[in-house]
């Protein structure tokens, strides 16, 4: 005798923190600094283009339709063209035009810089 079909209620995992984190990390987009690094490496002389991929059955469209700015693969050229008209794509391009966030800026913001101040009681 079988036990029958078992299914969870809709939204049964909505409060499980571990499940939420796992699903969010799987669908997470690349960070802007990672994409800026890829674009810089592709612009170097003798480097392979960032959007040049060999055919791969695992990726949508065989990996031939790739958007460098968002780091996503698309099934066909029409889907890629539609994506490049979207608000998400335009917003991402605007973010990528900003200057890269560096470690020096992070330390400055955290108050870890070493400022050279004049002595409070200078010897005369």
Foldseek 3Di string as FASTA:
>chain_A
DDPDDDDDDPCPCVPPPVVVVVVCVVPDWDDLVVLLVLCVQQPDPPHDHSQDDQQDPVAACSSNAADSLGGHRYNDPVVSVVVCPDPVNVVSVVVNVDDDDDPVNVCVVVVNDDDDDPDPDDDD
